[in-house]
Amino acid sequence: MEQTNVFKRKIYQEMLKWKEERQGETALLIEGARRIGKSTIVEEFAKNEYSSYILVDFSKTATEINNLFNDLSDLNYIFLRLQLNYNVSLKERKSLIIFDEVQNNPKARQAIKHLVKDHRYDYIETGSLISNK
């Protein structure tokens, strides 16, 4: 159990460092084996360090959410649909969007560079076997 706590403290410190140093200029990718607590620690970080967050779990998202990333021409629409679907109000530079199990939606993975460039929100991606997709 102590080893798990050390891992959690270390990854949490790395996420804090990323947030402070990058200021939304890059997304953070947390990749690892399945069922080791990636999603749990990222959601804990989001609750503690942001005004609001949305967790998009691509292992169980609705088709409508999956399809949002097929067309990136209107980011306002994407953000509006996410807020309505998850009943969360996003605040510019104070909110985090988490793409969990992102390997299940390659279009969302590709969209990250455009979303980061927009610079409204911070992004963390989690997944397993991402390099194989």
Foldseek 3Di string as FASTA:
>chain_A
DVVLVVVLVVVLVVVVVCCVPCLLLAAAEAEDDPPSCPVVSVVVSQVPQAPEEAEAELVDDDPVLLCLLVDPPDVVVNVVVRCVVRVIDAAFSRYEYEYEQCLNRVSVVVCRNVVSVVRRHYYYYYHYPNVVD
